Protein backbone atom coordinates (compact mmCIF):
# COMPACT_ATOMS: atom_id res chain seq x y z
CA MET A 1 10.74 -22.15 -42.82
CA LYS A 2 13.33 -23.40 -45.36
CA ALA A 3 11.73 -26.85 -45.30
CA ASN A 4 8.32 -25.36 -46.10
CA ILE A 5 9.76 -23.36 -49.00
CA LYS A 6 11.48 -26.45 -50.37
CA THR A 7 8.26 -28.49 -50.13
CA VAL A 8 6.20 -25.79 -51.85
CA SER A 9 8.84 -25.44 -54.57
CA TRP A 10 8.74 -29.17 -55.33
CA LEU A 11 4.95 -29.17 -55.43
CA VAL A 12 4.94 -26.23 -57.85
CA PHE A 13 7.54 -27.95 -60.07
CA ILE A 14 5.45 -31.14 -60.17
CA ILE A 15 2.27 -29.22 -61.06
CA LEU A 16 4.05 -27.27 -63.80
CA ILE A 17 5.54 -30.45 -65.29
CA ALA A 18 2.07 -32.01 -65.31
CA VAL A 19 0.61 -28.96 -67.10
CA ILE A 20 3.32 -29.03 -69.77
CA LEU A 21 3.04 -32.78 -70.36
CA ARG A 22 -0.71 -32.46 -70.71
CA ALA A 23 -0.30 -29.70 -73.32
CA ILE A 24 2.19 -31.79 -75.29
CA PHE A 25 -0.07 -34.87 -75.30
CA GLU A 26 -3.11 -32.80 -76.33
CA TYR A 27 -1.27 -31.27 -79.28
CA ALA A 28 0.19 -34.64 -80.28
CA PHE A 29 -3.26 -36.27 -80.14
CA GLU A 30 -4.78 -33.51 -82.28
CA PHE A 31 -1.89 -33.61 -84.69
CA PHE A 32 -1.99 -37.34 -85.40
CA SER A 33 -5.69 -38.19 -85.08
CA LEU A 34 -7.62 -35.51 -86.93
CA LYS A 35 -7.86 -34.27 -90.49
CA TYR A 36 -7.14 -30.61 -91.22
CA SER A 37 -7.26 -28.07 -93.95
CA ALA A 38 -3.90 -26.59 -94.98
CA THR A 39 -4.50 -23.48 -92.85
CA GLN A 40 -5.51 -25.51 -89.81
CA PHE A 41 -2.51 -27.77 -90.26
CA ILE A 42 -0.06 -24.84 -90.43
CA THR A 43 -1.70 -23.20 -87.39
CA LEU A 44 -1.41 -26.39 -85.36
CA LEU A 45 2.18 -26.90 -86.52
CA ILE A 46 3.08 -23.37 -85.36
CA ARG A 47 1.36 -23.97 -82.01
CA PHE A 48 3.17 -27.26 -81.59
CA THR A 49 6.55 -25.71 -82.51
CA ILE A 50 6.13 -22.79 -80.09
CA THR A 51 5.10 -25.17 -77.33
CA GLY A 52 8.15 -27.31 -78.06
CA ILE A 53 10.45 -24.28 -77.86
CA ALA A 54 8.73 -23.23 -74.62
CA VAL A 55 9.34 -26.72 -73.18
CA LEU A 56 13.04 -26.58 -74.10
CA ILE A 57 13.37 -23.16 -72.51
CA TRP A 58 11.42 -24.38 -69.48
CA ILE A 59 13.91 -27.23 -69.04
CA GLY A 60 16.80 -24.78 -69.49
CA ILE A 61 15.39 -22.53 -66.76
CA VAL A 62 15.00 -25.50 -64.38
CA MET A 63 18.65 -26.39 -64.97
CA ARG A 64 19.89 -22.82 -64.33
CA SER A 65 21.72 -22.18 -61.07
CA ASP A 66 19.37 -19.33 -60.12
CA SER A 67 17.44 -19.59 -56.87
CA THR A 68 14.06 -21.34 -57.12
CA PRO A 69 11.95 -18.22 -56.36
CA SER A 70 13.58 -16.32 -59.22
CA LYS A 71 12.83 -19.16 -61.67
CA LEU A 72 9.23 -19.87 -60.69
CA PRO A 73 7.55 -16.84 -62.35
CA TRP A 74 9.10 -17.79 -65.71
CA LEU A 75 8.07 -21.41 -65.29
CA ILE A 76 4.51 -20.34 -64.49
CA PHE A 77 4.37 -18.06 -67.55
CA LEU A 78 5.69 -20.73 -69.89
CA SER A 79 3.50 -23.51 -68.46
CA PHE A 80 0.12 -21.80 -68.55
CA GLU A 81 0.60 -19.45 -71.50
CA PRO A 82 3.52 -20.66 -73.67
CA PHE A 83 2.89 -18.15 -76.50
CA ILE A 84 2.91 -14.99 -74.38
CA GLY A 85 5.34 -16.54 -71.89
CA LEU A 86 7.84 -17.26 -74.66
CA ALA A 87 7.70 -13.67 -75.94
CA ILE A 88 8.11 -12.24 -72.43
CA PHE A 89 10.97 -14.58 -71.57
CA LEU A 90 12.91 -13.90 -74.78
CA THR A 91 12.59 -10.17 -74.00
CA PHE A 92 13.14 -10.10 -70.24
CA GLY A 93 14.43 -13.49 -69.13
CA ARG A 94 17.63 -14.20 -71.04
CA ASN A 95 21.02 -14.02 -69.33
CA PHE A 96 23.02 -10.87 -70.09
CA ARG A 97 26.34 -12.68 -69.68
CA LYS A 98 25.42 -14.92 -72.62
CA SER A 99 24.60 -12.02 -74.92
CA LEU A 100 26.76 -11.01 -77.89
CA ARG A 101 27.21 -7.47 -76.60
CA TYR A 102 28.62 -8.77 -73.31
CA LYS A 103 31.07 -11.01 -75.16
CA ALA A 104 32.01 -8.12 -77.47
CA HIS A 105 33.21 -6.03 -74.50
CA PRO A 106 35.91 -8.06 -72.74
CA LEU A 107 37.10 -5.11 -70.65
CA ILE A 108 33.90 -5.06 -68.60
CA LYS A 109 34.69 -8.54 -67.26
CA ASP A 110 36.43 -9.12 -63.93
CA GLY A 111 37.30 -5.46 -63.40
CA ALA A 112 39.56 -5.30 -66.48
CA TYR A 113 38.48 -1.67 -67.04
CA LEU A 114 40.12 -0.66 -63.73
CA THR A 115 43.50 0.12 -65.30
CA ARG A 116 44.03 3.13 -63.00
CA GLU A 117 42.77 1.51 -59.81
CA PRO A 118 45.32 0.56 -57.12
CA LYS A 119 45.24 -2.87 -55.53
CA THR A 120 43.94 -2.99 -51.97
CA ASN A 121 46.20 -4.69 -49.43
CA PHE A 122 44.07 -5.22 -46.34
CA ARG A 123 47.18 -6.39 -44.48
CA ASP A 124 48.60 -2.89 -44.70
CA GLU A 125 49.02 -1.17 -41.35
CA SER A 126 46.47 1.54 -42.18
CA TYR A 127 43.72 -1.06 -42.73
CA LEU A 128 44.78 -3.17 -39.72
CA SER A 129 44.25 -0.12 -37.48
CA ILE A 130 40.51 -0.20 -38.28
CA ASP A 131 37.96 -2.54 -36.67
CA SER A 132 38.22 -5.83 -38.59
CA GLU A 133 34.40 -6.12 -38.80
CA ILE A 134 34.46 -2.90 -40.84
CA THR A 135 37.36 -3.88 -43.10
CA ASP A 136 35.82 -7.34 -43.64
CA ILE A 137 32.86 -5.65 -45.35
CA TYR A 138 35.17 -3.64 -47.61
CA LYS A 139 37.17 -6.78 -48.33
CA THR A 140 33.97 -8.53 -49.42
CA ALA A 141 33.12 -5.68 -51.79
CA TYR A 142 36.68 -5.55 -53.11
CA ASN A 143 36.78 -9.28 -53.84
CA LEU A 144 33.45 -8.98 -55.66
CA THR A 145 34.32 -5.92 -57.78
CA SER A 146 38.11 -5.15 -57.65
CA HIS A 147 37.21 -1.53 -56.77
CA HIS A 148 39.80 -0.13 -54.35
CA ALA A 149 38.92 0.75 -50.75
CA TYR A 150 40.29 4.29 -50.41
CA ILE A 151 41.52 5.05 -46.90
CA ASN A 152 42.10 8.47 -45.30
CA ASP A 153 42.33 10.20 -48.69
CA SER A 154 38.73 11.00 -49.76
CA LYS A 155 35.87 13.13 -48.51
CA VAL A 156 32.12 12.60 -48.92
CA THR A 157 29.48 15.31 -48.47
CA VAL A 158 25.82 14.32 -48.09
CA LEU A 159 23.34 16.30 -50.20
CA THR A 160 19.99 15.59 -48.58
CA ASP A 161 17.64 16.70 -51.37
CA GLY A 162 17.48 18.46 -54.73
CA GLU A 163 17.56 21.89 -53.10
CA MET A 164 21.03 21.01 -51.78
CA MET A 165 22.26 18.96 -54.72
CA PHE A 166 21.41 20.99 -57.82
CA PRO A 167 22.96 24.32 -56.71
CA ARG A 168 26.18 22.50 -55.83
CA LEU A 169 26.15 20.54 -59.10
CA ILE A 170 25.64 23.74 -61.10
CA GLU A 171 28.40 25.50 -59.13
CA GLU A 172 30.91 22.74 -59.89
CA LEU A 173 29.91 22.49 -63.56
CA GLU A 174 30.38 26.22 -64.02
CA LYS A 175 33.91 25.95 -62.57
CA ALA A 176 34.95 23.20 -65.01
CA GLN A 177 38.21 23.90 -66.87
CA GLU A 178 39.25 20.59 -68.41
CA PHE A 179 36.41 18.07 -68.70
CA ILE A 180 32.93 17.06 -67.56
CA LEU A 181 31.85 13.42 -67.55
CA MET A 182 28.15 12.87 -66.90
CA GLU A 183 25.78 9.90 -67.02
CA TYR A 184 22.16 9.59 -65.90
CA TYR A 185 19.42 7.03 -66.12
CA ILE A 186 16.81 9.79 -66.57
CA ILE A 187 17.48 13.14 -68.21
CA ARG A 188 14.51 15.39 -68.84
CA THR A 189 14.54 18.51 -70.98
CA ASP A 190 12.41 20.31 -68.38
CA LYS A 191 13.38 23.40 -66.36
CA ILE A 192 16.26 21.99 -64.29
CA GLY A 193 17.26 19.58 -67.06
CA LYS A 194 17.67 22.37 -69.62
CA LYS A 195 19.46 24.56 -67.09
CA VAL A 196 22.13 21.90 -66.49
CA LEU A 197 22.39 20.88 -70.14
CA LYS A 198 22.81 24.52 -71.24
CA ILE A 199 25.78 24.77 -68.89
CA LEU A 200 27.26 21.74 -70.65
CA GLN A 201 26.58 23.44 -73.97
CA GLN A 202 28.31 26.64 -72.87
CA LYS A 203 31.28 24.78 -71.43
CA ALA A 204 31.73 22.84 -74.67
CA LYS A 205 31.78 26.13 -76.60
CA GLU A 206 34.49 27.35 -74.19
CA GLY A 207 36.65 24.36 -75.08
CA VAL A 208 35.90 22.14 -72.11
CA GLU A 209 35.61 18.46 -73.07
CA VAL A 210 32.08 17.26 -72.26
CA LYS A 211 30.88 13.66 -72.46
CA LEU A 212 27.22 12.92 -71.74
CA LEU A 213 25.84 9.38 -71.47
CA TYR A 214 22.16 8.68 -70.88
CA ASP A 215 19.99 5.59 -70.80
CA ALA A 216 17.87 5.32 -73.93
CA ILE A 217 14.84 3.89 -72.10
CA GLY A 218 15.04 5.99 -68.94
CA SER A 219 15.46 9.17 -71.00
CA VAL A 220 13.02 8.25 -73.75
CA LEU A 221 11.16 11.59 -73.47
CA LEU A 222 14.17 13.77 -74.22
CA ASN A 223 13.62 16.63 -76.67
CA ARG A 224 15.59 15.44 -79.71
CA ARG A 225 15.97 18.90 -81.22
CA PHE A 226 17.49 20.19 -77.99
CA MET A 227 19.87 17.21 -77.83
CA ASN A 228 20.95 17.82 -81.43
CA GLU A 229 21.77 21.42 -80.51
CA LEU A 230 23.82 20.07 -77.64
CA ARG A 231 25.78 17.86 -80.02
CA GLU A 232 26.33 20.73 -82.44
CA SER A 233 27.86 22.78 -79.63
CA GLY A 234 30.55 20.15 -79.12
CA VAL A 235 29.05 17.97 -76.38
CA GLU A 236 29.67 14.30 -77.13
CA VAL A 237 26.28 12.69 -76.46
CA VAL A 238 25.83 8.91 -76.37
CA ALA A 239 22.70 6.87 -75.62
CA ASN A 240 23.12 3.59 -73.75
CA ASP A 241 21.56 0.59 -75.54
CA LYS A 242 19.10 2.16 -77.96
CA VAL A 243 16.06 0.02 -78.65
CA TYR A 244 14.50 0.18 -82.10
CA PHE A 245 12.28 -2.88 -81.72
CA GLY A 246 11.52 -4.04 -78.20
CA LEU A 247 10.09 -7.54 -78.65
CA PHE A 248 12.68 -10.31 -78.15
CA ASN A 249 15.30 -7.61 -77.49
CA THR A 250 16.97 -7.93 -74.06
CA ARG A 251 18.18 -4.33 -74.28
CA VAL A 252 14.71 -3.38 -73.05
CA ASN A 253 15.42 -5.21 -69.80
CA TYR A 254 19.05 -4.48 -68.89
CA ARG A 255 19.24 -0.75 -68.23
CA ASN A 256 21.92 1.60 -66.87
CA HIS A 257 20.44 3.04 -63.65
CA ARG A 258 23.64 4.85 -62.57
CA LYS A 259 23.95 8.57 -61.91
CA ILE A 260 27.53 9.85 -62.09
CA THR A 261 29.06 13.28 -62.74
CA ILE A 262 32.81 14.00 -62.62
CA VAL A 263 34.33 17.46 -63.02
CA ASP A 264 38.08 17.91 -63.65
CA SER A 265 38.93 14.96 -61.34
CA LYS A 266 38.23 17.34 -58.44
CA VAL A 267 34.68 16.36 -57.57
CA ALA A 268 32.20 13.61 -58.41
CA PHE A 269 28.47 13.27 -57.77
CA THR A 270 26.48 10.07 -57.39
CA GLY A 271 23.31 8.94 -55.62
CA GLY A 272 19.59 8.67 -56.19
CA MET A 273 18.83 11.86 -58.11
CA ASN A 274 18.28 11.98 -61.84
CA LEU A 275 18.21 15.13 -63.94
CA GLY A 276 14.59 16.29 -63.77
CA ASP A 277 12.27 18.75 -62.04
CA GLU A 278 10.75 16.21 -59.63
CA TYR A 279 14.20 15.64 -58.10
CA ASN A 280 14.40 19.40 -57.56
CA ASN A 281 11.07 19.42 -55.65
CA LYS A 282 9.18 20.83 -58.65
CA SER A 283 6.97 17.79 -59.11
CA LYS A 284 3.27 18.21 -59.87
CA LYS A 285 2.56 14.82 -58.29
CA PHE A 286 4.55 15.11 -55.04
CA LYS A 287 4.75 18.01 -52.61
CA TYR A 288 8.30 17.08 -51.66
CA PHE A 289 10.58 14.54 -53.34
CA ARG A 290 12.93 13.10 -50.71
CA ASP A 291 16.23 11.87 -52.11
CA THR A 292 19.92 11.66 -51.19
CA HIS A 293 22.97 12.35 -53.32
CA LEU A 294 26.68 12.39 -52.48
CA LEU A 295 29.54 14.71 -53.42
CA VAL A 296 32.85 12.81 -53.51
CA GLU A 297 36.25 14.50 -53.39
CA GLY A 298 39.75 13.05 -53.25
CA LEU A 299 41.22 9.90 -54.74
CA ALA A 300 37.92 7.95 -54.68
CA VAL A 301 36.85 10.16 -57.61
CA HIS A 302 39.15 7.97 -59.74
CA SER A 303 36.98 4.93 -59.05
CA LEU A 304 33.86 6.70 -60.33
CA THR A 305 35.87 7.89 -63.34
CA SER A 306 36.84 4.30 -64.15
CA LEU A 307 33.21 3.22 -63.85
CA PHE A 308 32.07 6.04 -66.13
CA PHE A 309 34.58 4.99 -68.80
CA ARG A 310 33.48 1.37 -68.39
CA ASP A 311 29.94 2.48 -69.28
CA TRP A 312 31.23 4.73 -72.07
CA TYR A 313 33.20 1.80 -73.53
CA TYR A 314 30.11 -0.43 -73.39
CA ALA A 315 27.87 2.18 -75.09
CA LYS A 316 30.37 3.48 -77.65
CA HIS A 317 32.91 0.64 -78.09
CA ASP A 318 35.66 3.13 -77.24
CA PHE A 319 37.80 2.46 -74.15
CA ILE A 320 39.47 5.60 -72.79
CA ASP A 321 42.46 5.23 -70.47
CA ASP A 322 44.11 8.65 -70.54
CA GLU A 323 46.00 9.79 -67.44
CA LYS A 324 44.55 13.30 -67.74
CA TYR A 325 41.23 12.03 -66.35
CA TYR A 326 42.91 10.72 -63.20
CA GLN A 327 44.35 13.84 -61.56
CA ALA A 328 42.46 13.93 -58.26
CA ASN A 329 44.32 15.20 -55.20
CA LYS A 330 44.41 13.40 -51.88
CA ILE A 331 42.19 14.89 -49.19
CA ASP A 332 43.08 14.21 -45.57
CA GLU A 333 39.87 12.76 -44.22
CA LYS A 334 39.67 9.84 -41.83
CA GLY A 335 37.78 6.75 -42.94
CA LEU A 336 37.15 4.45 -45.87
CA VAL A 337 35.38 5.21 -49.16
CA GLN A 338 34.69 2.53 -51.76
CA ILE A 339 32.71 2.63 -54.99
CA ILE A 340 30.71 -0.56 -55.53
CA PRO A 341 29.16 -1.21 -58.97
CA SER A 342 26.60 -3.90 -59.63
CA GLY A 343 24.89 -5.27 -62.67
CA PRO A 344 24.10 -8.29 -64.85
CA ASP A 345 27.73 -8.37 -65.99
CA PHE A 346 28.72 -9.78 -62.57
CA PRO A 347 28.24 -13.50 -61.82
CA TYR A 348 27.14 -12.56 -58.29
CA PRO A 349 25.33 -9.32 -57.33
CA PRO A 350 28.03 -7.25 -55.55
CA ILE A 351 25.89 -4.59 -53.86
CA ARG A 352 23.25 -7.07 -52.75
CA ASN A 353 25.91 -9.41 -51.34
CA THR A 354 27.62 -6.50 -49.57
CA TYR A 355 24.24 -5.59 -48.05
CA VAL A 356 23.85 -9.16 -46.76
CA LYS A 357 27.31 -8.86 -45.19
CA LEU A 358 26.40 -5.50 -43.61
CA ILE A 359 23.19 -6.88 -42.14
CA ASN A 360 24.85 -10.05 -40.86
CA ASN A 361 27.66 -8.02 -39.23
CA ALA A 362 25.30 -5.60 -37.47
CA LYS A 363 25.41 -5.60 -33.68
CA LYS A 364 23.14 -2.69 -32.74
CA SER A 365 21.13 -1.24 -35.61
CA ILE A 366 20.24 -1.36 -39.30
CA LYS A 367 18.66 1.77 -40.81
CA ILE A 368 17.23 1.53 -44.32
CA MET A 369 15.49 4.05 -46.55
CA THR A 370 14.32 2.66 -49.88
CA PRO A 371 11.62 3.49 -52.45
CA TYR A 372 10.94 -0.18 -53.22
CA ILE A 373 11.09 -3.54 -51.42
CA ALA A 374 11.19 -6.86 -53.28
CA LEU A 375 13.50 -9.01 -51.17
CA ASP A 376 14.95 -12.35 -52.14
CA GLN A 377 14.99 -15.12 -49.54
CA GLU A 378 18.57 -14.49 -48.40
CA MET A 379 17.98 -10.76 -47.81
CA MET A 380 14.72 -11.47 -45.99
CA THR A 381 16.39 -14.12 -43.84
CA SER A 382 19.30 -11.82 -43.00
CA LEU A 383 17.00 -8.99 -41.87
CA ILE A 384 14.76 -11.29 -39.84
CA THR A 385 17.74 -13.06 -38.25
CA ALA A 386 19.28 -9.70 -37.33
CA ALA A 387 16.03 -8.64 -35.69
CA TYR A 388 15.83 -11.89 -33.68
CA ALA A 389 19.45 -11.36 -32.62
CA GLY A 390 18.43 -8.08 -30.98
CA VAL A 391 19.51 -5.70 -33.76
CA LYS A 392 17.15 -2.73 -34.10
CA VAL A 393 15.99 -2.70 -37.72
CA ASP A 394 14.13 0.36 -39.05
CA ILE A 395 12.95 0.65 -42.65
CA ILE A 396 11.45 3.80 -44.19
CA VAL A 397 9.42 3.44 -47.40
CA PRO A 398 7.37 6.03 -49.30
CA GLY A 399 4.08 7.23 -47.86
CA THR A 400 2.85 7.85 -51.41
CA PRO A 401 3.96 5.56 -54.27
CA ASP A 402 5.25 6.60 -57.66
CA LYS A 403 4.11 3.26 -59.14
CA LYS A 404 1.07 1.65 -57.52
CA SER A 405 1.81 -1.88 -58.75
CA ILE A 406 5.35 -1.81 -57.35
CA TYR A 407 3.99 -0.40 -54.09
CA LEU A 408 1.79 -3.50 -53.79
CA VAL A 409 4.94 -5.62 -54.05
CA THR A 410 6.57 -3.48 -51.34
CA GLN A 411 3.55 -3.87 -49.06
CA SER A 412 3.49 -7.64 -49.60
CA PHE A 413 6.73 -7.86 -47.59
CA PHE A 414 5.47 -5.91 -44.58
CA GLU A 415 3.89 -8.75 -42.61
CA PRO A 416 6.89 -11.12 -42.28
CA LEU A 417 9.16 -8.16 -41.48
CA LEU A 418 6.78 -6.76 -38.86
CA ALA A 419 6.22 -10.20 -37.34
CA ALA A 420 9.97 -10.47 -36.68
CA GLY A 421 9.99 -7.15 -34.82
CA ILE A 422 11.32 -5.02 -37.67
CA LYS A 423 9.89 -1.50 -37.67
CA VAL A 424 8.49 -0.28 -40.99
CA TYR A 425 7.59 3.39 -41.49
CA LYS A 426 5.78 5.26 -44.26
CA TYR A 427 7.33 8.62 -45.08
CA HIS A 428 5.23 11.75 -44.56
CA ASN A 429 2.49 11.19 -47.19
CA THR A 430 4.92 11.69 -50.03
CA PHE A 431 7.53 9.82 -52.04
CA THR A 432 11.07 9.00 -50.96
CA HIS A 433 13.60 7.98 -53.58
CA ALA A 434 16.67 7.83 -51.28
CA LYS A 435 18.62 4.57 -51.22
CA VAL A 436 20.47 4.39 -47.90
CA LEU A 437 21.56 1.59 -45.57
CA ILE A 438 23.39 2.35 -42.30
CA MET A 439 24.94 -0.33 -40.06
CA ASP A 440 25.52 0.39 -36.34
CA ASP A 441 25.84 4.11 -37.20
CA LYS A 442 29.43 3.30 -38.31
CA ILE A 443 29.28 2.34 -41.97
CA ALA A 444 26.77 3.30 -44.65
CA SER A 445 25.85 2.73 -48.28
CA CYS A 446 24.25 5.40 -50.44
CA GLY A 447 23.76 5.29 -54.18
CA THR A 448 21.36 4.13 -56.88
CA TYR A 449 20.56 0.71 -55.43
CA ASN A 450 16.97 -0.23 -54.48
CA LEU A 451 16.05 -3.25 -52.34
CA ASP A 452 14.66 -5.24 -55.26
CA ASN A 453 15.75 -7.89 -57.71
CA ARG A 454 16.02 -5.44 -60.60
CA SER A 455 18.68 -3.45 -58.76
CA ALA A 456 20.38 -6.62 -57.51
CA ARG A 457 20.68 -8.53 -60.77
CA ILE A 458 19.25 -6.68 -63.77
CA ASN A 459 20.10 -2.96 -63.78
CA PHE A 460 23.58 -1.47 -63.78
CA GLU A 461 23.91 0.25 -60.37
CA VAL A 462 26.45 1.97 -58.16
CA THR A 463 26.69 2.77 -54.46
CA VAL A 464 29.26 4.40 -52.20
CA LEU A 465 30.31 2.41 -49.13
CA LEU A 466 31.60 4.84 -46.52
CA SER A 467 32.79 4.88 -42.95
CA ASN A 468 33.76 8.47 -42.26
CA SER A 469 32.22 11.73 -41.02
CA ALA A 470 29.50 11.57 -43.71
CA VAL A 471 27.92 8.61 -41.88
CA LEU A 472 26.97 10.93 -39.00
CA LYS A 473 25.10 13.20 -41.43
CA LEU A 474 23.23 10.20 -42.88
CA VAL A 475 22.31 9.09 -39.35
CA GLN A 476 21.03 12.60 -38.53
CA ASP A 477 19.01 12.71 -41.75
CA PHE A 478 17.51 9.31 -40.97
CA ALA A 479 16.45 10.46 -37.49
CA LEU A 480 14.75 13.50 -39.03
CA ASP A 481 13.06 11.33 -41.68
CA LEU A 482 11.87 8.96 -38.96
CA SER A 483 10.24 11.85 -37.09
CA LYS A 484 8.30 12.66 -40.27
CA SER A 485 7.17 9.07 -40.83
CA LYS A 486 4.25 6.99 -39.59
CA GLU A 487 4.90 3.52 -38.23
CA VAL A 488 3.07 0.55 -39.73
CA VAL A 489 1.60 -1.20 -36.68
CA TYR A 490 1.77 -4.98 -36.95
CA ASN A 491 -1.50 -5.74 -35.12
CA LYS A 492 -3.38 -3.38 -37.42
CA TRP A 493 -1.58 -4.44 -40.59
CA LYS A 494 -2.33 -8.15 -40.16
CA LYS A 495 -6.05 -7.31 -39.88
CA ARG A 496 -6.14 -5.70 -43.33
CA GLY A 497 -8.92 -6.85 -45.66
CA LEU A 498 -9.03 -10.05 -47.68
CA TYR A 499 -8.84 -8.16 -50.99
CA ASP A 500 -5.65 -6.34 -49.91
CA ARG A 501 -4.08 -9.61 -48.80
CA LEU A 502 -5.00 -11.32 -52.07
CA ILE A 503 -3.78 -8.59 -54.40
CA GLN A 504 -0.53 -8.13 -52.44
CA GLY A 505 0.00 -11.90 -52.44
CA LEU A 506 -0.49 -12.10 -56.20
CA PHE A 507 2.00 -9.29 -56.85
CA ASN A 508 4.45 -10.91 -54.44
CA LEU A 509 4.58 -13.99 -56.70
CA PHE A 510 6.30 -11.89 -59.34
CA SER A 511 8.61 -9.96 -56.99
CA PRO A 512 11.70 -11.76 -58.45
CA LEU A 513 10.98 -9.98 -61.74
CA VAL A 514 10.62 -6.49 -60.17
């Protein structure tokens, strides 16, 4: 399989080089052999210059250390349509770690923002008492992120949908005495959005410190007048990476997809749910919007607090390191809880690599619920290898898509997964937004992370890695979700029509960009 991929990759590279060389020779021939008017000469000069820039970028992409599949879509764009390809690449293809805004924020590098995070000594007796195959996964995540693996001091409660999450969120916000820290990818000024934001407004008037961070692209439809009223009440509102002109601006691409709320160091919320009516099952499009959120209590709250202030520092150039935000109390609860961030600021994708470790360590089962699938070769290989090793792999995807084009990418991965014996299920004729992976019913991940390249390498994400009583609740939820899902039968799926195969195959080519 690897040999075939390597052969195809070389063939594609050779074809693309031939296309580029041909374009260069054609332009050179026109330029030196024909007579032009001034306008024609300038037009040709511009075309030649853009093609030259595209060639230089093409060479730069080839020399990058990225995997071949992630480079090919850009090479195809630049080879066959250098003008449009150049514009798209300069907007979506440039490396975040080479940007000025990354270099201007040194504290986001190498976990430097974790000034209140203890070091994890996996040789400590408390860690040695746990199965080494469990602690090895936490060690991997720790070495990737420097986020502490909290042991026997934190509690996690699973909130299965919006009808469970929003009442608890509102309850905790209303009890706030000292501060509220909140960040979302999407905030809507709809019914549930206004209800939550009005609580923030009231709390600010009462003297509670309130900081609200939202993603400027994800929350583009916010009511500006309402947000101004929020600011006037004393809520400190900050937008992450505003975009005034999108073309050639990488801010359009690298977005903060995290959802975090912290109240008085006592509780923290994170998971798949944004602040909007659809997450509260009030969607006009979907009958029921399946999602999972987590309520974290205990010392692990500090790790989410550090991550919030990392994002606040990036958005506002103001690093906050006050002890008053780190006053969580220990909760006696068996097990490990670790916050794992991911994003383009890391040289390697931490959550994705932790997922590979989870899958490779599995002995009995892998349970996955995800809204999107766009797997890279390593993730695909890990899942297929696990299945061939006798691990039961079940994946639940939406029965109804929120984005049809992305759903085509998801479906393009069905056949190789099914052929390996992996079970794929479509959820109950509606959408599921939950992002859950469970290994051997012992350790689980739940957060904002989707099984696609955007979550792995482009968006800023967060997940909670847990091995405590909350895992049992996630396992029970998965069993219930499975009973409401319809299995995709391999023998039927591989007989799907030629058009479906073609369109899915075409969208699969660009899965590294999804």
